[in-house]
Amino acid sequence: MILKTYYKTKDYCKVKFSFKSDNAETMQIRGLNSDWQTSVVMTRKKDGSFTADVTLPKDSKHQFKYLVNEKEWVNEPQADRQEPNEFGSSNSVIVL
């Protein structure tokens, strides 16, 4: 799930990412701001879901994927859209 919070007087948007995977011990977000090397580490909740709050610029578009257990790439099913990537699969896209 993705929850976007816009501020009238700010040039950024607060984005809350939330994802649940039954086999996940760790989860990261990769690709935000076109940075596939730096991870946003998600926090595990008691119900087994993972969350992270990220501030991103307004009027921007970001491709991303979740990295589960440091080995499995997963898309966000509720992303604004999916776009093909150079590896023959697709990336999740968030549009602000």
C-alpha atoms as a PDB file:
ATOM      1  CA  MET A   1       0.000   0.000   0.000  1.00  0.00           C
ATOM      2  CA  ILE A   2       1.130   3.529  -0.720  1.00  0.00           C
ATOM      3  CA  LEU A   3      -0.288   6.533   1.126  1.00  0.00           C
ATOM      4  CA  LYS A   4       0.635   9.997  -0.176  1.00  0.00           C
ATOM      5  CA  THR A   5       0.370  13.119   1.999  1.00  0.00           C
ATOM      6  CA  TYR A   6       0.718  16.431   0.158  1.00  0.00           C
ATOM      7  CA  TYR A   7       1.440  19.758   1.862  1.00  0.00           C
ATOM      8  CA  LYS A   8       0.208  23.006   0.271  1.00  0.00           C
ATOM      9  CA  THR A   9       3.209  25.044   1.386  1.00  0.00           C
ATOM     10  CA  LYS A  10       5.917  22.393   0.854  1.00  0.00           C
ATOM     11  CA  ASP A  11       7.663  21.240  -2.310  1.00  0.00           C
ATOM     12  CA  TYR A  12       7.655  17.615  -1.193  1.00  0.00           C
ATOM     13  CA  CYS A  13       5.210  14.808  -0.471  1.00  0.00           C
ATOM     14  CA  LYS A  14       5.359  12.373   2.444  1.00  0.00           C
ATOM     15  CA  VAL A  15       4.886   8.822   1.190  1.00  0.00           C
ATOM     16  CA  LYS A  16       4.116   5.901   3.484  1.00  0.00           C
ATOM     17  CA  PHE A  17       4.993   2.505   2.017  1.00  0.00           C
ATOM     18  CA  SER A  18       3.430  -0.558   3.628  1.00  0.00           C
ATOM     19  CA  PHE A  19       3.852  -4.132   2.391  1.00  0.00           C
ATOM     20  CA  LYS A  20       3.240  -7.597   3.791  1.00  0.00           C
ATOM     21  CA  SER A  21       5.068 -10.708   2.645  1.00  0.00           C
ATOM     22  CA  ASP A  22       4.566 -14.002   4.459  1.00  0.00           C
ATOM     23  CA  ASN A  23       8.180 -15.151   4.084  1.00  0.00           C
ATOM     24  CA  ALA A  24       9.905 -11.810   4.723  1.00  0.00           C
ATOM     25  CA  GLU A  25      12.470 -11.361   7.463  1.00  0.00           C
ATOM     26  CA  THR A  26      13.821  -8.093   6.016  1.00  0.00           C
ATOM     27  CA  MET A  27      12.490  -5.679   3.438  1.00  0.00           C
ATOM     28  CA  GLN A  28      14.005  -2.681   1.667  1.00  0.00           C
ATOM     29  CA  ILE A  29      12.858  -0.200  -0.972  1.00  0.00           C
ATOM     30  CA  ARG A  30      15.280   0.335  -3.850  1.00  0.00           C
ATOM     31  CA  GLY A  31      15.213   2.725  -6.796  1.00  0.00           C
ATOM     32  CA  LEU A  32      13.696   5.867  -5.285  1.00  0.00           C
ATOM     33  CA  ASN A  33      15.275   9.037  -6.706  1.00  0.00           C
ATOM     34  CA  SER A  34      16.861   6.765  -9.382  1.00  0.00           C
ATOM     35  CA  ASP A  35      19.163   5.305  -6.711  1.00  0.00           C
ATOM     36  CA  TRP A  36      19.217   1.509  -6.945  1.00  0.00           C
ATOM     37  CA  GLN A  37      22.271   1.147  -4.681  1.00  0.00           C
ATOM     38  CA  THR A  38      20.911   2.893  -1.578  1.00  0.00           C
ATOM     39  CA  SER A  39      18.171   1.131   0.372  1.00  0.00           C
ATOM     40  CA  VAL A  40      15.339   2.491   2.428  1.00  0.00           C
ATOM     41  CA  VAL A  41      15.123  -0.106   5.200  1.00  0.00           C
ATOM     42  CA  MET A  42      11.547  -0.855   6.151  1.00  0.00           C
ATOM     43  CA  THR A  43      10.474  -1.443   9.760  1.00  0.00           C
ATOM     44  CA  ARG A  44       8.758  -4.693  10.659  1.00  0.00           C
ATOM     45  CA  LYS A  45       5.480  -4.351  12.558  1.00  0.00           C
ATOM     46  CA  LYS A  46       3.900  -6.839  14.987  1.00  0.00           C
ATOM     47  CA  ASP A  47       1.421  -8.012  12.336  1.00  0.00           C
ATOM     48  CA  GLY A  48       4.322  -8.989  10.042  1.00  0.00           C
ATOM     49  CA  SER A  49       3.950  -6.062   7.651  1.00  0.00           C
ATOM     50  CA  PHE A  50       6.773  -3.667   6.846  1.00  0.00           C
ATOM     51  CA  THR A  51       6.510   0.130   6.657  1.00  0.00           C
ATOM     52  CA  ALA A  52       8.652   3.113   5.765  1.00  0.00           C
ATOM     53  CA  ASP A  53       7.989   6.850   5.502  1.00  0.00           C
ATOM     54  CA  VAL A  54       9.858   8.665   2.748  1.00  0.00           C
ATOM     55  CA  THR A  55       9.863  12.300   1.668  1.00  0.00           C
ATOM     56  CA  LEU A  56       9.939  12.742  -2.123  1.00  0.00           C
ATOM     57  CA  PRO A  57       9.768  15.864  -4.332  1.00  0.00           C
ATOM     58  CA  LYS A  58       6.395  16.924  -5.700  1.00  0.00           C
ATOM     59  CA  ASP A  59       5.857  16.646  -9.454  1.00  0.00           C
ATOM     60  CA  SER A  60       8.229  13.684  -9.739  1.00  0.00           C
ATOM     61  CA  LYS A  61       8.070  10.053 -10.842  1.00  0.00           C
ATOM     62  CA  HIS A  62       9.992   7.207  -9.213  1.00  0.00           C
ATOM     63  CA  GLN A  63      10.551   3.609 -10.240  1.00  0.00           C
ATOM     64  CA  PHE A  64      11.139   1.227  -7.347  1.00  0.00           C
ATOM     65  CA  LYS A  65      10.994  -2.351  -6.136  1.00  0.00           C
ATOM     66  CA  TYR A  66      10.944  -4.048  -2.756  1.00  0.00           C
ATOM     67  CA  LEU A  67      13.925  -6.253  -1.946  1.00  0.00           C
ATOM     68  CA  VAL A  68      12.783  -9.089   0.329  1.00  0.00           C
ATOM     69  CA  ASN A  69      15.371 -10.953   2.429  1.00  0.00           C
ATOM     70  CA  GLU A  70      18.122  -9.292   0.358  1.00  0.00           C
ATOM     71  CA  LYS A  71      17.462 -11.628  -2.593  1.00  0.00           C
ATOM     72  CA  GLU A  72      13.884 -11.470  -3.961  1.00  0.00           C
ATOM     73  CA  TRP A  73      12.647  -8.452  -5.949  1.00  0.00           C
ATOM     74  CA  VAL A  74       8.910  -7.736  -5.564  1.00  0.00           C
ATOM     75  CA  ASN A  75       6.672  -5.083  -7.121  1.00  0.00           C
ATOM     76  CA  GLU A  76       4.050  -3.039  -5.267  1.00  0.00           C
ATOM     77  CA  PRO A  77       0.649  -4.184  -6.606  1.00  0.00           C
ATOM     78  CA  GLN A  78      -0.983  -0.849  -5.672  1.00  0.00           C
ATOM     79  CA  ALA A  79       1.645   1.347  -7.359  1.00  0.00           C
ATOM     80  CA  ASP A  80       0.409   4.005  -9.767  1.00  0.00           C
ATOM     81  CA  ARG A  81       1.646   1.834 -12.629  1.00  0.00           C
ATOM     82  CA  GLN A  82       4.270  -0.699 -13.709  1.00  0.00           C
ATOM     83  CA  GLU A  83       6.954   0.025 -16.316  1.00  0.00           C
ATOM     84  CA  PRO A  84       9.230  -2.454 -18.095  1.00  0.00           C
ATOM     85  CA  ASN A  85      12.881  -2.510 -17.014  1.00  0.00           C
ATOM     86  CA  GLU A  86      16.094  -3.544 -18.745  1.00  0.00           C
ATOM     87  CA  PHE A  87      16.054  -6.973 -17.075  1.00  0.00           C
ATOM     88  CA  GLY A  88      12.914  -8.203 -18.827  1.00  0.00           C
ATOM     89  CA  SER A  89      10.580  -7.663 -15.878  1.00  0.00           C
ATOM     90  CA  SER A  90       8.907  -4.508 -14.575  1.00  0.00           C
ATOM     91  CA  ASN A  91       9.325  -1.903 -11.852  1.00  0.00           C
ATOM     92  CA  SER A  92       6.648  -0.283  -9.722  1.00  0.00           C
ATOM     93  CA  VAL A  93       6.113   3.432 -10.375  1.00  0.00           C
ATOM     94  CA  ILE A  94       4.881   6.153  -8.035  1.00  0.00           C
ATOM     95  CA  VAL A  95       3.832   9.502  -9.503  1.00  0.00           C
ATOM     96  CA  LEU A  96       3.679  12.547  -7.252  1.00  0.00           C
END
